[in-house]
Amino acid sequence: MAGTIRVTSSGAIKRPLEEVREQFADTAYHAAARVHSGVRFTVVAQDERQCRYRQEVTLLGMRQADDLLNSVQSEAVGGTNRGLRVLYRFSGNGNLAVVYVTFEIPARGVKRLIAPLFRAVAQRALRRAFEEDRRDLESGAYARYRARGADAA
């Protein structure tokens, strides 16, 4: 896609594949547990099929505030990066999951002019976010959260 800044990250997480998929899709958990430092998640609406949420982060001193719709993938339906797509791919077996994440960020305005720098900063932020998810999952925090939810139901 022309005019798009594309960043990718991948890595292995030592947890069952389904647990990793669930945690990556669980926006309410990310908001409540503050999994990602420097990123603010606010759930706006949620049902069994999808979640609409607001995500706020600052990159290169520029506040990025987006309204996203998360079902299997995420897409910014409003905000700074309207049209942003977040794509996830998962593979693995046993207690090892491999996650591939791609951000397709529209390069509009100043981002178009500083695209290489913005790509590098976004790449670093994506890698940091992946490591935060990996630590959260491998520590058992998400499994404990899910167990508490099952006990409450």
N, C-alpha and C. Protein backbone atom coordinates (compact mmCIF):
# COMPACT_ATOMS: atom_id res chain seq x y z
N MET A 1 0.86 -1.18 0.00
CA MET A 1 0.00 0.00 0.00
C MET A 1 0.90 1.24 0.00
N ALA A 2 0.75 2.12 -1.00
CA ALA A 2 1.54 3.33 -1.09
C ALA A 2 1.17 4.27 0.05
N GLY A 3 2.15 5.01 0.54
CA GLY A 3 1.87 5.93 1.63
C GLY A 3 1.66 5.25 2.95
N THR A 4 2.28 4.08 3.12
CA THR A 4 2.12 3.31 4.35
C THR A 4 3.48 3.05 4.98
N ILE A 5 3.55 3.23 6.29
CA ILE A 5 4.74 2.87 7.05
C ILE A 5 4.44 1.50 7.65
N ARG A 6 5.25 0.52 7.27
CA ARG A 6 5.02 -0.86 7.70
C ARG A 6 6.11 -1.26 8.69
N VAL A 7 5.70 -1.73 9.87
CA VAL A 7 6.66 -2.24 10.86
C VAL A 7 6.20 -3.63 11.29
N THR A 8 7.18 -4.49 11.53
CA THR A 8 6.87 -5.87 11.90
C THR A 8 7.73 -6.30 13.09
N SER A 9 7.22 -7.27 13.80
CA SER A 9 7.97 -7.88 14.88
C SER A 9 7.48 -9.31 15.02
N SER A 10 8.36 -10.16 15.50
CA SER A 10 7.95 -11.54 15.76
C SER A 10 8.82 -12.09 16.87
N GLY A 11 8.32 -13.14 17.47
CA GLY A 11 9.09 -13.78 18.52
C GLY A 11 8.32 -14.93 19.13
N ALA A 12 9.03 -15.67 19.95
CA ALA A 12 8.45 -16.83 20.60
C ALA A 12 8.05 -16.49 22.03
N ILE A 13 6.96 -17.09 22.46
CA ILE A 13 6.46 -16.93 23.83
C ILE A 13 6.24 -18.32 24.39
N LYS A 14 6.79 -18.58 25.54
CA LYS A 14 6.70 -19.91 26.16
C LYS A 14 5.40 -20.08 26.92
N ARG A 15 4.31 -20.12 26.18
CA ARG A 15 2.97 -20.36 26.72
C ARG A 15 2.16 -21.06 25.63
N PRO A 16 1.06 -21.73 26.01
CA PRO A 16 0.22 -22.39 25.01
C PRO A 16 -0.33 -21.40 23.97
N LEU A 17 -0.41 -21.85 22.74
CA LEU A 17 -0.84 -21.02 21.62
C LEU A 17 -2.18 -20.33 21.87
N GLU A 18 -3.17 -21.06 22.35
CA GLU A 18 -4.50 -20.46 22.56
C GLU A 18 -4.48 -19.38 23.63
N GLU A 19 -3.69 -19.57 24.68
CA GLU A 19 -3.57 -18.55 25.72
C GLU A 19 -2.94 -17.28 25.15
N VAL A 20 -1.94 -17.43 24.31
CA VAL A 20 -1.28 -16.27 23.69
C VAL A 20 -2.25 -15.53 22.78
N ARG A 21 -2.98 -16.28 21.96
CA ARG A 21 -3.99 -15.65 21.08
C ARG A 21 -5.01 -14.85 21.90
N GLU A 22 -5.51 -15.48 22.95
CA GLU A 22 -6.52 -14.83 23.79
C GLU A 22 -5.97 -13.55 24.43
N GLN A 23 -4.75 -13.61 24.96
CA GLN A 23 -4.19 -12.44 25.62
C GLN A 23 -3.99 -11.30 24.63
N PHE A 24 -3.50 -11.58 23.43
CA PHE A 24 -3.29 -10.54 22.43
C PHE A 24 -4.61 -9.88 22.02
N ALA A 25 -5.70 -10.63 22.06
CA ALA A 25 -7.01 -10.09 21.66
C ALA A 25 -7.78 -9.47 22.81
N ASP A 26 -7.33 -9.65 24.04
CA ASP A 26 -8.08 -9.22 25.22
C ASP A 26 -7.74 -7.77 25.58
N THR A 27 -8.38 -6.84 24.91
CA THR A 27 -8.13 -5.41 25.11
C THR A 27 -8.50 -4.98 26.52
N ALA A 28 -9.59 -5.50 27.05
CA ALA A 28 -10.00 -5.14 28.41
C ALA A 28 -8.91 -5.53 29.41
N TYR A 29 -8.29 -6.67 29.23
CA TYR A 29 -7.19 -7.09 30.11
C TYR A 29 -6.01 -6.14 29.97
N HIS A 30 -5.64 -5.81 28.73
CA HIS A 30 -4.52 -4.88 28.52
C HIS A 30 -4.77 -3.54 29.22
N ALA A 31 -6.02 -3.07 29.16
CA ALA A 31 -6.36 -1.81 29.81
C ALA A 31 -6.27 -1.94 31.34
N ALA A 32 -6.86 -3.00 31.88
CA ALA A 32 -6.92 -3.17 33.34
C ALA A 32 -5.55 -3.47 33.94
N ALA A 33 -4.76 -4.31 33.28
CA ALA A 33 -3.47 -4.74 33.83
C ALA A 33 -2.33 -3.81 33.45
N ARG A 34 -2.61 -2.85 32.58
CA ARG A 34 -1.56 -1.91 32.11
C ARG A 34 -0.33 -2.68 31.64
N VAL A 35 -0.55 -3.61 30.74
CA VAL A 35 0.51 -4.46 30.22
C VAL A 35 1.60 -3.64 29.54
N HIS A 36 1.20 -2.59 28.83
CA HIS A 36 2.16 -1.80 28.04
C HIS A 36 2.43 -0.44 28.68
N SER A 37 3.67 -0.24 29.11
CA SER A 37 4.05 1.05 29.67
C SER A 37 4.03 2.09 28.55
N GLY A 38 3.50 3.25 28.85
CA GLY A 38 3.48 4.33 27.86
C GLY A 38 2.33 4.26 26.88
N VAL A 39 1.48 3.24 27.00
CA VAL A 39 0.32 3.12 26.12
C VAL A 39 -0.92 3.08 27.01
N ARG A 40 -1.88 3.91 26.68
CA ARG A 40 -3.13 3.93 27.44
C ARG A 40 -4.25 3.34 26.59
N PHE A 41 -4.92 2.33 27.13
CA PHE A 41 -6.06 1.69 26.47
C PHE A 41 -7.32 2.06 27.24
N THR A 42 -8.37 2.44 26.52
CA THR A 42 -9.66 2.69 27.13
C THR A 42 -10.70 1.93 26.32
N VAL A 43 -11.38 0.97 26.94
CA VAL A 43 -12.43 0.22 26.25
C VAL A 43 -13.66 1.11 26.17
N VAL A 44 -14.17 1.29 24.95
CA VAL A 44 -15.35 2.13 24.71
C VAL A 44 -16.61 1.27 24.68
N ALA A 45 -16.54 0.14 23.98
CA ALA A 45 -17.68 -0.79 23.88
C ALA A 45 -17.13 -2.17 23.57
N GLN A 46 -17.83 -3.19 24.08
CA GLN A 46 -17.36 -4.55 23.86
C GLN A 46 -18.54 -5.51 23.86
N ASP A 47 -18.50 -6.46 22.94
CA ASP A 47 -19.45 -7.57 22.97
C ASP A 47 -18.67 -8.85 22.70
N GLU A 48 -19.35 -9.95 22.50
CA GLU A 48 -18.65 -11.23 22.34
C GLU A 48 -17.87 -11.33 21.03
N ARG A 49 -18.16 -10.46 20.05
CA ARG A 49 -17.49 -10.53 18.75
C ARG A 49 -16.35 -9.52 18.58
N GLN A 50 -16.47 -8.35 19.18
CA GLN A 50 -15.47 -7.33 18.94
C GLN A 50 -15.40 -6.33 20.09
N CYS A 51 -14.34 -5.54 20.05
CA CYS A 51 -14.11 -4.53 21.08
C CYS A 51 -13.72 -3.22 20.38
N ARG A 52 -14.36 -2.15 20.76
CA ARG A 52 -13.97 -0.82 20.28
C ARG A 52 -13.23 -0.15 21.43
N TYR A 53 -12.03 0.35 21.14
CA TYR A 53 -11.22 0.95 22.19
C TYR A 53 -10.42 2.13 21.67
N ARG A 54 -9.95 2.93 22.60
CA ARG A 54 -9.10 4.08 22.29
C ARG A 54 -7.70 3.74 22.79
N GLN A 55 -6.72 4.00 21.95
CA GLN A 55 -5.32 3.75 22.29
C GLN A 55 -4.55 5.07 22.14
N GLU A 56 -3.80 5.41 23.18
CA GLU A 56 -3.03 6.65 23.15
C GLU A 56 -1.58 6.35 23.47
N VAL A 57 -0.67 6.91 22.65
CA VAL A 57 0.77 6.74 22.83
C VAL A 57 1.45 7.96 22.22
N THR A 58 2.64 8.26 22.69
CA THR A 58 3.41 9.36 22.12
C THR A 58 4.65 8.80 21.45
N LEU A 59 4.83 9.15 20.17
CA LEU A 59 6.01 8.75 19.40
C LEU A 59 6.63 10.00 18.81
N LEU A 60 7.92 10.19 19.02
CA LEU A 60 8.64 11.37 18.54
C LEU A 60 7.98 12.67 18.99
N GLY A 61 7.45 12.64 20.20
CA GLY A 61 6.80 13.83 20.73
C GLY A 61 5.43 14.10 20.15
N MET A 62 4.96 13.23 19.27
CA MET A 62 3.63 13.39 18.64
C MET A 62 2.65 12.43 19.30
N ARG A 63 1.60 12.99 19.85
CA ARG A 63 0.56 12.16 20.48
C ARG A 63 -0.21 11.43 19.38
N GLN A 64 -0.30 10.13 19.53
CA GLN A 64 -1.06 9.29 18.61
C GLN A 64 -2.27 8.79 19.39
N ALA A 65 -3.45 9.23 19.03
CA ALA A 65 -4.68 8.82 19.70
C ALA A 65 -5.60 8.25 18.65
N ASP A 66 -5.93 6.99 18.80
CA ASP A 66 -6.73 6.30 17.78
C ASP A 66 -7.88 5.54 18.40
N ASP A 67 -8.99 5.49 17.66
CA ASP A 67 -10.13 4.66 18.01
C ASP A 67 -10.05 3.42 17.15
N LEU A 68 -9.90 2.28 17.80
CA LEU A 68 -9.70 1.03 17.07
C LEU A 68 -10.85 0.07 17.28
N LEU A 69 -11.04 -0.77 16.30
CA LEU A 69 -12.02 -1.84 16.35
C LEU A 69 -11.23 -3.14 16.29
N ASN A 70 -11.36 -3.97 17.31
CA ASN A 70 -10.59 -5.21 17.41
C ASN A 70 -11.55 -6.39 17.36
N SER A 71 -11.41 -7.18 16.31
CA SER A 71 -12.10 -8.47 16.28
C SER A 71 -10.98 -9.50 16.24
N VAL A 72 -10.61 -9.99 15.08
CA VAL A 72 -9.43 -10.85 14.98
C VAL A 72 -8.20 -9.97 14.74
N GLN A 73 -8.35 -8.94 13.96
CA GLN A 73 -7.31 -7.95 13.70
C GLN A 73 -7.83 -6.62 14.21
N SER A 74 -6.96 -5.61 14.24
CA SER A 74 -7.40 -4.29 14.68
C SER A 74 -7.28 -3.31 13.53
N GLU A 75 -8.22 -2.36 13.49
CA GLU A 75 -8.16 -1.29 12.50
C GLU A 75 -8.59 0.01 13.16
N ALA A 76 -7.82 1.07 12.90
CA ALA A 76 -8.17 2.39 13.43
C ALA A 76 -9.31 2.95 12.59
N VAL A 77 -10.45 3.16 13.22
CA VAL A 77 -11.63 3.68 12.54
C VAL A 77 -11.79 5.18 12.77
N GLY A 78 -10.89 5.74 13.58
CA GLY A 78 -10.89 7.18 13.83
C GLY A 78 -9.62 7.56 14.55
N GLY A 79 -9.28 8.83 14.50
CA GLY A 79 -8.12 9.31 15.24
C GLY A 79 -6.94 9.65 14.35
N THR A 80 -5.80 9.82 14.98
CA THR A 80 -4.57 10.25 14.33
C THR A 80 -4.17 9.36 13.16
N ASN A 81 -4.34 8.07 13.33
CA ASN A 81 -3.88 7.10 12.32
C ASN A 81 -5.04 6.34 11.68
N ARG A 82 -6.12 7.06 11.38
CA ARG A 82 -7.28 6.42 10.76
C ARG A 82 -6.81 5.57 9.57
N GLY A 83 -7.25 4.31 9.55
CA GLY A 83 -6.82 3.39 8.51
C GLY A 83 -5.68 2.48 8.95
N LEU A 84 -5.07 2.75 10.11
CA LEU A 84 -4.03 1.88 10.65
C LEU A 84 -4.57 0.46 10.75
N ARG A 85 -3.76 -0.50 10.36
CA ARG A 85 -4.14 -1.91 10.52
C ARG A 85 -3.08 -2.61 11.35
N VAL A 86 -3.54 -3.44 12.28
CA VAL A 86 -2.66 -4.26 13.10
C VAL A 86 -3.01 -5.71 12.79
N LEU A 87 -2.04 -6.42 12.25
CA LEU A 87 -2.26 -7.79 11.80
C LEU A 87 -1.46 -8.74 12.68
N TYR A 88 -2.11 -9.82 13.10
CA TYR A 88 -1.47 -10.83 13.94
C TYR A 88 -1.51 -12.17 13.22
N ARG A 89 -0.43 -12.93 13.39
CA ARG A 89 -0.40 -14.30 12.90
C ARG A 89 0.26 -15.13 14.01
N PHE A 90 -0.31 -16.29 14.28
CA PHE A 90 0.16 -17.13 15.38
C PHE A 90 0.45 -18.53 14.85
N SER A 91 1.48 -19.16 15.39
CA SER A 91 1.75 -20.57 15.12
C SER A 91 2.39 -21.15 16.38
N GLY A 92 2.50 -22.45 16.40
CA GLY A 92 3.15 -23.08 17.54
C GLY A 92 2.47 -24.36 17.94
N ASN A 93 3.02 -24.97 18.97
CA ASN A 93 2.43 -26.18 19.54
C ASN A 93 2.97 -26.36 20.95
N GLY A 94 2.27 -27.16 21.72
CA GLY A 94 2.68 -27.37 23.10
C GLY A 94 2.72 -26.05 23.86
N ASN A 95 3.79 -25.82 24.57
CA ASN A 95 3.95 -24.60 25.36
C ASN A 95 4.84 -23.57 24.68
N LEU A 96 4.77 -23.50 23.35
CA LEU A 96 5.54 -22.50 22.62
C LEU A 96 4.69 -21.92 21.49
N ALA A 97 4.50 -20.63 21.55
CA ALA A 97 3.74 -19.93 20.50
C ALA A 97 4.68 -18.95 19.82
N VAL A 98 4.54 -18.83 18.52
CA VAL A 98 5.29 -17.84 17.75
C VAL A 98 4.28 -16.82 17.25
N VAL A 99 4.58 -15.55 17.48
CA VAL A 99 3.68 -14.46 17.13
C VAL A 99 4.36 -13.56 16.12
N TYR A 100 3.61 -13.21 15.07
CA TYR A 100 4.06 -12.27 14.05
C TYR A 100 3.09 -11.10 14.08
N VAL A 101 3.61 -9.88 14.26
CA VAL A 101 2.77 -8.69 14.33
C VAL A 101 3.23 -7.70 13.26
N THR A 102 2.26 -7.15 12.54
CA THR A 102 2.55 -6.13 11.53
C THR A 102 1.65 -4.93 11.76
N PHE A 103 2.25 -3.75 11.80
CA PHE A 103 1.50 -2.49 11.84
C PHE A 103 1.63 -1.85 10.47
N GLU A 104 0.50 -1.49 9.88
CA GLU A 104 0.47 -0.74 8.63
C GLU A 104 -0.09 0.63 8.97
N ILE A 105 0.80 1.63 9.04
CA ILE A 105 0.47 2.97 9.52
C ILE A 105 0.36 3.92 8.33
N PRO A 106 -0.77 4.58 8.14
CA PRO A 106 -0.88 5.56 7.06
C PRO A 106 0.16 6.67 7.23
N ALA A 107 0.88 6.98 6.16
CA ALA A 107 1.91 8.02 6.19
C ALA A 107 1.31 9.31 5.65
N ARG A 108 0.67 10.04 6.54
CA ARG A 108 0.06 11.32 6.16
C ARG A 108 0.74 12.45 6.93
N GLY A 109 0.66 13.64 6.37
CA GLY A 109 1.18 14.82 7.05
C GLY A 109 2.66 14.70 7.33
N VAL A 110 3.05 15.10 8.55
CA VAL A 110 4.46 15.10 8.92
C VAL A 110 5.04 13.69 8.91
N LYS A 111 4.23 12.67 9.17
CA LYS A 111 4.73 11.29 9.14
C LYS A 111 5.25 10.91 7.76
N ARG A 112 4.65 11.45 6.73
CA ARG A 112 5.12 11.17 5.37
C ARG A 112 6.52 11.76 5.18
N LEU A 113 6.75 12.95 5.73
CA LEU A 113 8.04 13.62 5.58
C LEU A 113 9.15 12.95 6.39
N ILE A 114 8.81 12.39 7.52
CA ILE A 114 9.81 11.77 8.40
C ILE A 114 9.62 10.25 8.47
N ALA A 115 9.10 9.67 7.41
CA ALA A 115 8.74 8.25 7.41
C ALA A 115 9.87 7.33 7.90
N PRO A 116 11.11 7.46 7.43
CA PRO A 116 12.15 6.54 7.92
C PRO A 116 12.38 6.65 9.44
N LEU A 117 12.39 7.86 9.96
CA LEU A 117 12.57 8.06 11.40
C LEU A 117 11.36 7.53 12.16
N PHE A 118 10.16 7.84 11.68
CA PHE A 118 8.94 7.37 12.34
C PHE A 118 8.90 5.85 12.32
N ARG A 119 9.29 5.22 11.21
CA ARG A 119 9.32 3.75 11.11
C ARG A 119 10.25 3.18 12.17
N ALA A 120 11.44 3.76 12.33
CA ALA A 120 12.40 3.25 13.32
C ALA A 120 11.85 3.35 14.74
N VAL A 121 11.22 4.47 15.06
CA VAL A 121 10.66 4.67 16.40
C VAL A 121 9.47 3.73 16.61
N ALA A 122 8.62 3.60 15.61
CA ALA A 122 7.47 2.69 15.72
C ALA A 122 7.94 1.24 15.84
N GLN A 123 9.01 0.89 15.13
CA GLN A 123 9.56 -0.47 15.22
C GLN A 123 10.04 -0.75 16.64
N ARG A 124 10.74 0.22 17.22
CA ARG A 124 11.23 0.05 18.59
C ARG A 124 10.05 -0.08 19.57
N ALA A 125 9.02 0.73 19.38
CA ALA A 125 7.83 0.67 20.25
C ALA A 125 7.12 -0.67 20.12
N LEU A 126 7.01 -1.18 18.89
CA LEU A 126 6.36 -2.47 18.67
C LEU A 126 7.16 -3.59 19.33
N ARG A 127 8.48 -3.54 19.21
CA ARG A 127 9.33 -4.57 19.83
C ARG A 127 9.18 -4.53 21.36
N ARG A 128 9.16 -3.31 21.93
CA ARG A 128 8.98 -3.16 23.37
C ARG A 128 7.62 -3.72 23.80
N ALA A 129 6.57 -3.42 23.03
CA ALA A 129 5.23 -3.92 23.35
C ALA A 129 5.20 -5.44 23.29
N PHE A 130 5.86 -6.01 22.29
CA PHE A 130 5.91 -7.48 22.19
C PHE A 130 6.58 -8.06 23.44
N GLU A 131 7.69 -7.47 23.86
CA GLU A 131 8.40 -7.97 25.04
C GLU A 131 7.55 -7.84 26.29
N GLU A 132 6.75 -6.77 26.38
CA GLU A 132 5.86 -6.61 27.52
C GLU A 132 4.78 -7.70 27.54
N ASP A 133 4.24 -8.02 26.36
CA ASP A 133 3.27 -9.12 26.28
C ASP A 133 3.93 -10.44 26.64
N ARG A 134 5.14 -10.67 26.13
CA ARG A 134 5.84 -11.92 26.42
C ARG A 134 6.07 -12.07 27.93
N ARG A 135 6.55 -11.00 28.58
CA ARG A 135 6.78 -11.06 30.03
C ARG A 135 5.48 -11.31 30.78
N ASP A 136 4.43 -10.63 30.37
CA ASP A 136 3.13 -10.79 31.02
C ASP A 136 2.66 -12.25 30.92
N LEU A 137 2.75 -12.80 29.74
CA LEU A 137 2.30 -14.18 29.53
C LEU A 137 3.18 -15.19 30.26
N GLU A 138 4.49 -15.07 30.10
CA GLU A 138 5.40 -16.05 30.69
C GLU A 138 5.43 -15.97 32.22
N SER A 139 5.05 -14.83 32.79
CA SER A 139 4.98 -14.71 34.26
C SER A 139 3.75 -15.41 34.82
N GLY A 140 2.79 -15.74 33.94
CA GLY A 140 1.55 -16.36 34.38
C GLY A 140 0.47 -15.37 34.77
N ALA A 141 0.74 -14.07 34.60
CA ALA A 141 -0.23 -13.04 35.00
C ALA A 141 -1.56 -13.19 34.25
N TYR A 142 -1.49 -13.44 32.95
CA TYR A 142 -2.75 -13.57 32.19
C TYR A 142 -3.49 -14.84 32.59
N ALA A 143 -2.78 -15.93 32.79
CA ALA A 143 -3.42 -17.19 33.21
C ALA A 143 -4.14 -16.99 34.56
N ARG A 144 -3.49 -16.28 35.49
CA ARG A 144 -4.13 -16.01 36.79
C ARG A 144 -5.37 -15.14 36.61
N TYR A 145 -5.28 -14.13 35.75
CA TYR A 145 -6.43 -13.25 35.46
C TYR A 145 -7.59 -14.06 34.90
N ARG A 146 -7.31 -14.93 33.94
CA ARG A 146 -8.36 -15.77 33.33
C ARG A 146 -8.95 -16.72 34.37
N ALA A 147 -8.12 -17.27 35.23
CA ALA A 147 -8.61 -18.19 36.26
C ALA A 147 -9.54 -17.47 37.24
N ARG A 148 -9.19 -16.24 37.60
CA ARG A 148 -10.06 -15.46 38.49
C ARG A 148 -11.39 -15.19 37.81
N GLY A 149 -11.35 -14.90 36.50
CA GLY A 149 -12.59 -14.66 35.76
C GLY A 149 -13.46 -15.89 35.69
N ALA A 150 -12.83 -17.04 35.52
CA ALA A 150 -13.59 -18.30 35.47
C ALA A 150 -14.17 -18.62 36.84
N ASP A 151 -13.43 -18.31 37.90
CA ASP A 151 -13.95 -18.54 39.25
C ASP A 151 -15.13 -17.64 39.56
N ALA A 152 -15.10 -16.41 39.01
CA ALA A 152 -16.18 -15.45 39.26
C ALA A 152 -17.44 -15.78 38.47
N ALA A 153 -17.28 -16.51 37.36
CA ALA A 153 -18.44 -16.81 36.50
C ALA A 153 -19.31 -17.90 37.06
